[in-house]
Every structure is written in structure tokens, then in C-alpha cells.
Amino acid sequence: MLAEIDRTRLPRHVAAIMDGNGRWAAARGLTRIEGHAAGVESVRDTVEGAARLGLGALTVFAFSSENWRRPPGEVAALLELVGRYLRQETDNLVANDIRFRAIGRLGELPTDLQAGLGRTTEATKACRGLTLSVAVNYGSRAEIVDAVRRIAARAAREGKAPELDERRFGEYLTTSGLPDPDLLIRTSGEMRVSNFLLFQSAHTEFWTTLTLWPDFRQRDLYEAILAYQRRGRRSGGPG
């Protein structure tokens, strides 16, 4: 499958909504937390596959701003898994030239997790291969509101509104510096965008699979990219 991929036509940026951890666990008589832990292995394998292929950017949706509504024990476990991933994988990210960044309202996270995100970001800042973005406490509507607030604050400081178009507005989003995603993957057969990269996904190709996230591996990533390469992207042009 890897050999079939045209490396001259790779998506510049792949995003993934990692869904199905709870259902995967329930089918095996495990707890939801064990399902989330299994999902971390899929993140590790998918990141390895993305770097191996030579993708420029991969963004994964780890914890949404709506996830705070889950039971406190599950919330704590999800955030601990993010922190554990950082502790275990930072050296591997550096060794594989992978730059890490976190997006979302990071200031609302526990202070120890904020520190861990900061350490991994700092440790990988010189890396020039794949850019791995992890969305933590992220919601796209909140991101857009925060961007407008930053624009308003700048206007107040400078006494005039900054000149804006779509490109300039994108510079106020947390994904600033990255191309918009060309491909968005969602697992477990769900068909929702779930408040993820709404502004950035205006022309994104969607690919869904019935595979639950803990079973997602490099082969699934490559299948999605092959499907993407078979499509004719028009972005509003003539069909």
C-alpha cells in the first residue's frame, strides 16, 4: 500500500478525529479508560506512519472543550494519558525530527499538563520534519471567538482595526503557520465534524472508516491517503 502512494501528491496536512475508544473497550469488556489507553498506541503508530511517509503536518483531536462534561474520572484519565504520551514520546519525537505543538485553550488545563506541553514544544522546536499538533481543550467555535478577541485587542492598542482577509484572519487562529488540512479522517463510522477545525476545513476532503480508533494503524492512514489521491479536488471550481 505504501508503494502505491504518489509522494508527489501527498496532502500537506492531515487531521484526525479519533473516535471509538469507548465502543472498542465495551466490546472487550474493558473500561472506557482502558479504551483510551489503547488509543494512545494508535496515535504512536499513526505518527510513525505519517513521518515515514513524509507528511508535512498531522493534527489529532485529543480532548475537546466539550469533553469536560464527561465523568470526572474519565476526564482526569484522558488528561493523564496526554501527559503520559508527552513523557514517553518526547525523546522519540526529537530523534525522528518531529515538531510538536499543542492547540486549544491550554491555560484552562491542569498546570502540570501545561508544563508538559510546554516542555515537549520547547524540546522539539528545532525539528523540521513532520509537525504534530495535538488539540487539547480545543473547540473550533471558541478558537474563532478567541481570534476575534485578539483582533479587537490589537485594534484597541493601535487605535485602528487591522486589515483582514481570510488569510490574515487565519494568522490569529491556533493553527497559524500550518496549511489548511487537505484531508480529515474520522474513525468509527461517525459523520460529524464535532467542532473541529471549522474555519480551516472549508475545502477539506473527508474520509471516514468503520474502524474504531484503537484498531487504527499505519495501513489505515495509507488507505485514507490513497482514497484522497483518487479524488479530483476542485475547491469550488468547475466539475
C-alpha atoms as a PDB file:
ATOM      1  CA  MET A   1       0.000   0.000   0.000  1.00  0.00           C
ATOM      2  CA  LEU A   2       2.826   2.384   0.843  1.00  0.00           C
ATOM      3  CA  ALA A   3       4.370   1.760  -2.563  1.00  0.00           C
ATOM      4  CA  GLU A   4       1.097   2.756  -4.285  1.00  0.00           C
ATOM      5  CA  ILE A   5       1.091   6.254  -2.774  1.00  0.00           C
ATOM      6  CA  ASP A   6       2.244   9.058  -5.066  1.00  0.00           C
ATOM      7  CA  ARG A   7       4.628  11.006  -2.837  1.00  0.00           C
ATOM      8  CA  THR A   8       4.495  13.985  -5.178  1.00  0.00           C
ATOM      9  CA  ARG A   9       0.786  14.439  -4.369  1.00  0.00           C
ATOM     10  CA  LEU A  10       0.649  13.975  -0.626  1.00  0.00           C
ATOM     11  CA  PRO A  11      -1.836  16.025   1.381  1.00  0.00           C
ATOM     12  CA  ARG A  12       0.073  18.865   3.002  1.00  0.00           C
ATOM     13  CA  HIS A  13      -1.854  18.496   6.249  1.00  0.00           C
ATOM     14  CA  VAL A  14      -3.866  15.529   7.551  1.00  0.00           C
ATOM     15  CA  ALA A  15      -6.224  15.912  10.522  1.00  0.00           C
ATOM     16  CA  ALA A  16      -7.846  13.104  12.506  1.00  0.00           C
ATOM     17  CA  ILE A  17     -10.850  12.864  14.819  1.00  0.00           C
ATOM     18  CA  MET A  18     -10.041   9.830  16.939  1.00  0.00           C
ATOM     19  CA  ASP A  19     -13.384   8.219  17.727  1.00  0.00           C
ATOM     20  CA  GLY A  20     -14.488   4.844  19.076  1.00  0.00           C
ATOM     21  CA  ASN A  21     -12.296   4.221  22.133  1.00  0.00           C
ATOM     22  CA  GLY A  22     -15.309   3.614  24.386  1.00  0.00           C
ATOM     23  CA  ARG A  23     -17.024   1.247  21.963  1.00  0.00           C
ATOM     24  CA  TRP A  24     -13.783  -0.656  21.432  1.00  0.00           C
ATOM     25  CA  ALA A  25     -13.455  -1.134  25.192  1.00  0.00           C
ATOM     26  CA  ALA A  26     -17.109  -2.107  25.706  1.00  0.00           C
ATOM     27  CA  ALA A  27     -16.853  -4.810  23.042  1.00  0.00           C
ATOM     28  CA  ARG A  28     -13.993  -6.351  25.026  1.00  0.00           C
ATOM     29  CA  GLY A  29     -15.469  -5.983  28.490  1.00  0.00           C
ATOM     30  CA  LEU A  30     -12.959  -3.269  29.369  1.00  0.00           C
ATOM     31  CA  THR A  31     -13.394   0.166  30.913  1.00  0.00           C
ATOM     32  CA  ARG A  32     -13.574   3.309  28.798  1.00  0.00           C
ATOM     33  CA  ILE A  33     -10.267   4.389  30.315  1.00  0.00           C
ATOM     34  CA  GLU A  34      -8.644   1.200  29.024  1.00  0.00           C
ATOM     35  CA  GLY A  35     -10.074   2.034  25.608  1.00  0.00           C
ATOM     36  CA  HIS A  36      -8.490   5.480  25.719  1.00  0.00           C
ATOM     37  CA  ALA A  37      -5.171   3.923  26.751  1.00  0.00           C
ATOM     38  CA  ALA A  38      -5.346   1.578  23.753  1.00  0.00           C
ATOM     39  CA  GLY A  39      -5.998   4.608  21.567  1.00  0.00           C
ATOM     40  CA  VAL A  40      -2.638   6.083  22.566  1.00  0.00           C
ATOM     41  CA  GLU A  41      -0.930   3.171  20.811  1.00  0.00           C
ATOM     42  CA  SER A  42      -2.808   4.125  17.646  1.00  0.00           C
ATOM     43  CA  VAL A  43      -1.567   7.699  17.950  1.00  0.00           C
ATOM     44  CA  ARG A  44       2.007   6.438  18.255  1.00  0.00           C
ATOM     45  CA  ASP A  45       1.682   4.154  15.218  1.00  0.00           C
ATOM     46  CA  THR A  46      -0.082   6.781  13.109  1.00  0.00           C
ATOM     47  CA  VAL A  47       2.516   9.442  13.890  1.00  0.00           C
ATOM     48  CA  GLU A  48       5.252   6.984  12.937  1.00  0.00           C
ATOM     49  CA  GLY A  49       3.461   6.230   9.674  1.00  0.00           C
ATOM     50  CA  ALA A  50       2.963   9.909   8.861  1.00  0.00           C
ATOM     51  CA  ALA A  51       6.629  10.666   9.472  1.00  0.00           C
ATOM     52  CA  ARG A  52       7.717   7.625   7.467  1.00  0.00           C
ATOM     53  CA  LEU A  53       5.615   8.754   4.513  1.00  0.00           C
ATOM     54  CA  GLY A  54       6.955  12.300   4.654  1.00  0.00           C
ATOM     55  CA  LEU A  55       3.772  14.177   5.534  1.00  0.00           C
ATOM     56  CA  GLY A  56       4.275  17.799   6.475  1.00  0.00           C
ATOM     57  CA  ALA A  57       1.606  18.101   9.180  1.00  0.00           C
ATOM     58  CA  LEU A  58      -0.659  15.866  11.233  1.00  0.00           C
ATOM     59  CA  THR A  59      -3.240  17.211  13.703  1.00  0.00           C
ATOM     60  CA  VAL A  60      -5.083  14.889  16.098  1.00  0.00           C
ATOM     61  CA  PHE A  61      -8.111  15.749  18.252  1.00  0.00           C
ATOM     62  CA  ALA A  62      -7.182  14.505  21.717  1.00  0.00           C
ATOM     63  CA  PHE A  63      -9.542  16.356  24.063  1.00  0.00           C
ATOM     64  CA  SER A  64     -12.357  18.680  23.079  1.00  0.00           C
ATOM     65  CA  SER A  65     -13.691  21.565  25.115  1.00  0.00           C
ATOM     66  CA  GLU A  66     -16.954  19.578  25.354  1.00  0.00           C
ATOM     67  CA  ASN A  67     -15.164  16.612  26.955  1.00  0.00           C
ATOM     68  CA  TRP A  68     -15.244  18.362  30.344  1.00  0.00           C
ATOM     69  CA  ARG A  69     -18.874  17.173  30.539  1.00  0.00           C
ATOM     70  CA  ARG A  70     -17.734  13.560  30.881  1.00  0.00           C
ATOM     71  CA  PRO A  71     -17.437  11.897  34.306  1.00  0.00           C
ATOM     72  CA  PRO A  72     -14.595  13.467  36.332  1.00  0.00           C
ATOM     73  CA  GLY A  73     -12.685  10.190  36.499  1.00  0.00           C
ATOM     74  CA  GLU A  74     -12.706   9.818  32.726  1.00  0.00           C
ATOM     75  CA  VAL A  75     -11.650  13.451  32.237  1.00  0.00           C
ATOM     76  CA  ALA A  76      -8.737  13.004  34.639  1.00  0.00           C
ATOM     77  CA  ALA A  77      -7.696   9.798  32.883  1.00  0.00           C
ATOM     78  CA  LEU A  78      -7.819  11.409  29.434  1.00  0.00           C
ATOM     79  CA  LEU A  79      -5.622  14.305  30.540  1.00  0.00           C
ATOM     80  CA  GLU A  80      -3.229  11.945  32.302  1.00  0.00           C
ATOM     81  CA  LEU A  81      -2.886   9.950  29.081  1.00  0.00           C
ATOM     82  CA  VAL A  82      -1.908  13.116  27.222  1.00  0.00           C
ATOM     83  CA  GLY A  83       0.707  13.838  29.875  1.00  0.00           C
ATOM     84  CA  ARG A  84       1.981  10.257  29.764  1.00  0.00           C
ATOM     85  CA  TYR A  85       2.301  10.400  25.983  1.00  0.00           C
ATOM     86  CA  LEU A  86       4.437  13.523  26.312  1.00  0.00           C
ATOM     87  CA  ARG A  87       6.697  11.954  28.919  1.00  0.00           C
ATOM     88  CA  GLN A  88       7.184   8.769  26.922  1.00  0.00           C
ATOM     89  CA  GLU A  89       7.435  10.162  23.413  1.00  0.00           C
ATOM     90  CA  THR A  90       9.315  13.471  23.582  1.00  0.00           C
ATOM     91  CA  ASP A  91      12.718  11.854  23.017  1.00  0.00           C
ATOM     92  CA  ASN A  92      11.304   9.826  20.114  1.00  0.00           C
ATOM     93  CA  LEU A  93       9.827  12.953  18.556  1.00  0.00           C
ATOM     94  CA  VAL A  94      13.204  14.690  18.706  1.00  0.00           C
ATOM     95  CA  ALA A  95      15.014  11.621  17.338  1.00  0.00           C
ATOM     96  CA  ASN A  96      12.607  11.486  14.381  1.00  0.00           C
ATOM     97  CA  ASP A  97      12.750  15.250  13.681  1.00  0.00           C
ATOM     98  CA  ILE A  98       9.054  15.715  14.579  1.00  0.00           C
ATOM     99  CA  ARG A  99       7.994  19.142  15.793  1.00  0.00           C
ATOM    100  CA  PHE A 100       5.268  19.178  18.437  1.00  0.00           C
ATOM    101  CA  ARG A 101       2.687  21.862  19.081  1.00  0.00           C
ATOM    102  CA  ALA A 102      -0.499  21.974  21.137  1.00  0.00           C
ATOM    103  CA  ILE A 103      -3.633  23.877  20.150  1.00  0.00           C
ATOM    104  CA  GLY A 104      -6.636  24.803  22.249  1.00  0.00           C
ATOM    105  CA  ARG A 105      -7.330  26.804  25.401  1.00  0.00           C
ATOM    106  CA  LEU A 106      -4.244  25.473  27.112  1.00  0.00           C
ATOM    107  CA  GLY A 107      -4.454  27.911  30.017  1.00  0.00           C
ATOM    108  CA  GLU A 108      -7.529  26.079  31.338  1.00  0.00           C
ATOM    109  CA  LEU A 109      -5.660  22.764  31.645  1.00  0.00           C
ATOM    110  CA  PRO A 110      -4.045  21.482  34.866  1.00  0.00           C
ATOM    111  CA  THR A 111      -0.745  23.267  35.496  1.00  0.00           C
ATOM    112  CA  ASP A 112       1.325  20.073  35.327  1.00  0.00           C
ATOM    113  CA  LEU A 113      -0.102  19.265  31.892  1.00  0.00           C
ATOM    114  CA  GLN A 114       0.531  22.823  30.713  1.00  0.00           C
ATOM    115  CA  ALA A 115       4.137  22.402  31.821  1.00  0.00           C
ATOM    116  CA  GLY A 116       4.454  19.083  29.999  1.00  0.00           C
ATOM    117  CA  LEU A 117       3.057  20.550  26.786  1.00  0.00           C
ATOM    118  CA  GLY A 118       5.495  23.426  27.092  1.00  0.00           C
ATOM    119  CA  ARG A 119       8.486  21.137  27.648  1.00  0.00           C
ATOM    120  CA  THR A 120       7.727  19.000  24.613  1.00  0.00           C
ATOM    121  CA  THR A 121       7.096  22.069  22.456  1.00  0.00           C
ATOM    122  CA  GLU A 122      10.412  23.561  23.535  1.00  0.00           C
ATOM    123  CA  ALA A 123      12.315  20.290  23.108  1.00  0.00           C
ATOM    124  CA  THR A 124      11.139  19.858  19.506  1.00  0.00           C
ATOM    125  CA  LYS A 125      11.154  23.466  18.323  1.00  0.00           C
ATOM    126  CA  ALA A 126      14.211  22.943  16.119  1.00  0.00           C
ATOM    127  CA  CYS A 127      12.762  19.866  14.390  1.00  0.00           C
ATOM    128  CA  ARG A 128      11.988  20.279  10.702  1.00  0.00           C
ATOM    129  CA  GLY A 129      10.161  17.102   9.717  1.00  0.00           C
ATOM    130  CA  LEU A 130       6.526  16.338  10.454  1.00  0.00           C
ATOM    131  CA  THR A 131       4.632  18.910  12.531  1.00  0.00           C
ATOM    132  CA  LEU A 132       2.443  17.028  15.027  1.00  0.00           C
ATOM    133  CA  SER A 133      -0.321  19.197  16.505  1.00  0.00           C
ATOM    134  CA  VAL A 134      -2.373  17.832  19.389  1.00  0.00           C
ATOM    135  CA  ALA A 135      -5.700  19.571  20.040  1.00  0.00           C
ATOM    136  CA  VAL A 136      -6.274  19.659  23.809  1.00  0.00           C
ATOM    137  CA  ASN A 137      -9.227  21.536  25.325  1.00  0.00           C
ATOM    138  CA  TYR A 138      -9.955  22.574  21.760  1.00  0.00           C
ATOM    139  CA  GLY A 139     -13.199  23.769  20.217  1.00  0.00           C
ATOM    140  CA  SER A 140     -13.273  25.472  16.835  1.00  0.00           C
ATOM    141  CA  ARG A 141     -16.006  27.968  17.717  1.00  0.00           C
ATOM    142  CA  ALA A 142     -14.045  29.012  20.806  1.00  0.00           C
ATOM    143  CA  GLU A 143     -10.919  29.311  18.668  1.00  0.00           C
ATOM    144  CA  ILE A 144     -12.712  31.690  16.292  1.00  0.00           C
ATOM    145  CA  VAL A 145     -14.077  33.745  19.195  1.00  0.00           C
ATOM    146  CA  ASP A 146     -10.584  33.942  20.711  1.00  0.00           C
ATOM    147  CA  ALA A 147      -9.208  35.097  17.355  1.00  0.00           C
ATOM    148  CA  VAL A 148     -11.793  37.883  17.181  1.00  0.00           C
ATOM    149  CA  ARG A 149     -10.874  38.938  20.729  1.00  0.00           C
ATOM    150  CA  ARG A 150      -7.204  39.139  19.764  1.00  0.00           C
ATOM    151  CA  ILE A 151      -8.105  41.240  16.739  1.00  0.00           C
ATOM    152  CA  ALA A 152     -10.237  43.541  18.906  1.00  0.00           C
ATOM    153  CA  ALA A 153      -7.423  43.858  21.474  1.00  0.00           C
ATOM    154  CA  ARG A 154      -4.961  44.780  18.749  1.00  0.00           C
ATOM    155  CA  ALA A 155      -7.381  47.349  17.357  1.00  0.00           C
ATOM    156  CA  ALA A 156      -7.731  48.892  20.827  1.00  0.00           C
ATOM    157  CA  ARG A 157      -3.944  49.113  21.235  1.00  0.00           C
ATOM    158  CA  GLU A 158      -3.299  50.562  17.807  1.00  0.00           C
ATOM    159  CA  GLY A 159      -6.400  52.731  17.563  1.00  0.00           C
ATOM    160  CA  LYS A 160      -7.487  51.098  14.311  1.00  0.00           C
ATOM    161  CA  ALA A 161      -8.707  47.728  13.118  1.00  0.00           C
ATOM    162  CA  PRO A 162      -6.104  45.564  11.349  1.00  0.00           C
ATOM    163  CA  GLU A 163      -6.642  44.882   7.671  1.00  0.00           C
ATOM    164  CA  LEU A 164      -8.235  41.477   7.304  1.00  0.00           C
ATOM    165  CA  ASP A 165      -8.913  38.891   4.656  1.00  0.00           C
ATOM    166  CA  GLU A 166      -9.261  35.126   5.036  1.00  0.00           C
ATOM    167  CA  ARG A 167      -5.504  34.566   5.033  1.00  0.00           C
ATOM    168  CA  ARG A 168      -4.831  37.251   7.618  1.00  0.00           C
ATOM    169  CA  PHE A 169      -7.677  36.039   9.817  1.00  0.00           C
ATOM    170  CA  GLY A 170      -6.116  32.584   9.765  1.00  0.00           C
ATOM    171  CA  GLU A 171      -2.990  34.062  11.332  1.00  0.00           C
ATOM    172  CA  TYR A 172      -4.996  34.704  14.511  1.00  0.00           C
ATOM    173  CA  LEU A 173      -6.035  31.042  14.811  1.00  0.00           C
ATOM    174  CA  THR A 174      -4.084  28.472  16.800  1.00  0.00           C
ATOM    175  CA  THR A 175      -3.136  26.681  13.566  1.00  0.00           C
ATOM    176  CA  SER A 176      -1.310  29.762  12.290  1.00  0.00           C
ATOM    177  CA  GLY A 177       1.704  28.739  10.245  1.00  0.00           C
ATOM    178  CA  LEU A 178       0.148  25.490   9.049  1.00  0.00           C
ATOM    179  CA  PRO A 179      -1.628  24.915   5.738  1.00  0.00           C
ATOM    180  CA  ASP A 180      -5.326  24.158   5.995  1.00  0.00           C
ATOM    181  CA  PRO A 181      -5.961  20.405   6.206  1.00  0.00           C
ATOM    182  CA  ASP A 182      -6.315  18.726   2.830  1.00  0.00           C
ATOM    183  CA  LEU A 183      -7.658  15.528   4.401  1.00  0.00           C
ATOM    184  CA  LEU A 184      -9.721  14.928   7.543  1.00  0.00           C
ATOM    185  CA  ILE A 185     -10.026  11.361   8.841  1.00  0.00           C
ATOM    186  CA  ARG A 186     -12.761  10.270  11.237  1.00  0.00           C
ATOM    187  CA  THR A 187     -12.899   6.778  12.676  1.00  0.00           C
ATOM    188  CA  SER A 188     -15.744   4.559  13.962  1.00  0.00           C
ATOM    189  CA  GLY A 189     -18.164   5.435  11.161  1.00  0.00           C
ATOM    190  CA  GLU A 190     -19.222   8.797  12.600  1.00  0.00           C
ATOM    191  CA  MET A 191     -20.031  11.549  10.108  1.00  0.00           C
ATOM    192  CA  ARG A 192     -19.846  14.688  12.272  1.00  0.00           C
ATOM    193  CA  VAL A 193     -17.240  17.469  12.251  1.00  0.00           C
ATOM    194  CA  SER A 194     -17.597  17.836  16.053  1.00  0.00           C
ATOM    195  CA  ASN A 195     -16.474  21.468  16.288  1.00  0.00           C
ATOM    196  CA  PHE A 196     -13.038  20.644  14.868  1.00  0.00           C
ATOM    197  CA  LEU A 197     -11.113  22.981  12.539  1.00  0.00           C
ATOM    198  CA  LEU A 198     -14.305  24.518  11.158  1.00  0.00           C
ATOM    199  CA  PHE A 199     -12.687  27.572   9.552  1.00  0.00           C
ATOM    200  CA  GLN A 200      -9.699  25.607   8.314  1.00  0.00           C
ATOM    201  CA  SER A 201     -11.735  22.789   6.732  1.00  0.00           C
ATOM    202  CA  ALA A 202     -13.643  24.843   4.168  1.00  0.00           C
ATOM    203  CA  HIS A 203     -12.162  22.803   1.295  1.00  0.00           C
ATOM    204  CA  THR A 204     -11.013  19.706   3.148  1.00  0.00           C
ATOM    205  CA  GLU A 205     -11.637  16.202   1.815  1.00  0.00           C
ATOM    206  CA  PHE A 206     -13.337  13.944   4.388  1.00  0.00           C
ATOM    207  CA  TRP A 207     -12.620  10.235   4.766  1.00  0.00           C
ATOM    208  CA  THR A 208     -14.460   8.043   7.261  1.00  0.00           C
ATOM    209  CA  THR A 209     -13.895   4.453   8.287  1.00  0.00           C
ATOM    210  CA  LEU A 210     -15.806   1.969  10.430  1.00  0.00           C
ATOM    211  CA  THR A 211     -12.527   1.090  12.142  1.00  0.00           C
ATOM    212  CA  LEU A 212     -12.524   2.115  15.812  1.00  0.00           C
ATOM    213  CA  TRP A 213      -9.602   4.321  16.764  1.00  0.00           C
ATOM    214  CA  PRO A 214      -7.715   1.739  18.896  1.00  0.00           C
ATOM    215  CA  ASP A 215      -7.570  -0.507  15.810  1.00  0.00           C
ATOM    216  CA  PHE A 216      -6.395   2.304  13.505  1.00  0.00           C
ATOM    217  CA  ARG A 217      -2.861   1.780  12.213  1.00  0.00           C
ATOM    218  CA  GLN A 218      -0.490   2.977   9.510  1.00  0.00           C
ATOM    219  CA  ARG A 219      -2.262   0.860   6.880  1.00  0.00           C
ATOM    220  CA  ASP A 220      -5.492   2.782   7.582  1.00  0.00           C
ATOM    221  CA  LEU A 221      -3.692   6.103   7.227  1.00  0.00           C
ATOM    222  CA  TYR A 222      -2.266   4.975   3.904  1.00  0.00           C
ATOM    223  CA  GLU A 223      -5.690   3.771   2.751  1.00  0.00           C
ATOM    224  CA  ALA A 224      -7.106   7.221   3.506  1.00  0.00           C
ATOM    225  CA  ILE A 225      -4.318   8.926   1.580  1.00  0.00           C
ATOM    226  CA  LEU A 226      -4.801   6.646  -1.416  1.00  0.00           C
ATOM    227  CA  ALA A 227      -8.524   7.470  -1.398  1.00  0.00           C
ATOM    228  CA  TYR A 228      -7.636  11.161  -1.247  1.00  0.00           C
ATOM    229  CA  GLN A 229      -5.304  10.828  -4.222  1.00  0.00           C
ATOM    230  CA  ARG A 230      -8.035   9.180  -6.303  1.00  0.00           C
ATOM    231  CA  ARG A 231     -10.320  12.171  -5.899  1.00  0.00           C
ATOM    232  CA  GLY A 232     -10.368  15.240  -8.105  1.00  0.00           C
ATOM    233  CA  ARG A 233     -10.163  18.282  -5.829  1.00  0.00           C
ATOM    234  CA  ARG A 234     -11.904  21.314  -7.268  1.00  0.00           C
ATOM    235  CA  SER A 235     -12.365  23.707  -4.310  1.00  0.00           C
ATOM    236  CA  GLY A 236     -15.425  25.265  -5.876  1.00  0.00           C
ATOM    237  CA  GLY A 237     -14.135  25.153  -9.458  1.00  0.00           C
ATOM    238  CA  PRO A 238     -15.962  23.574 -12.388  1.00  0.00           C
ATOM    239  CA  GLY A 239     -16.896  19.923 -12.024  1.00  0.00           C
END
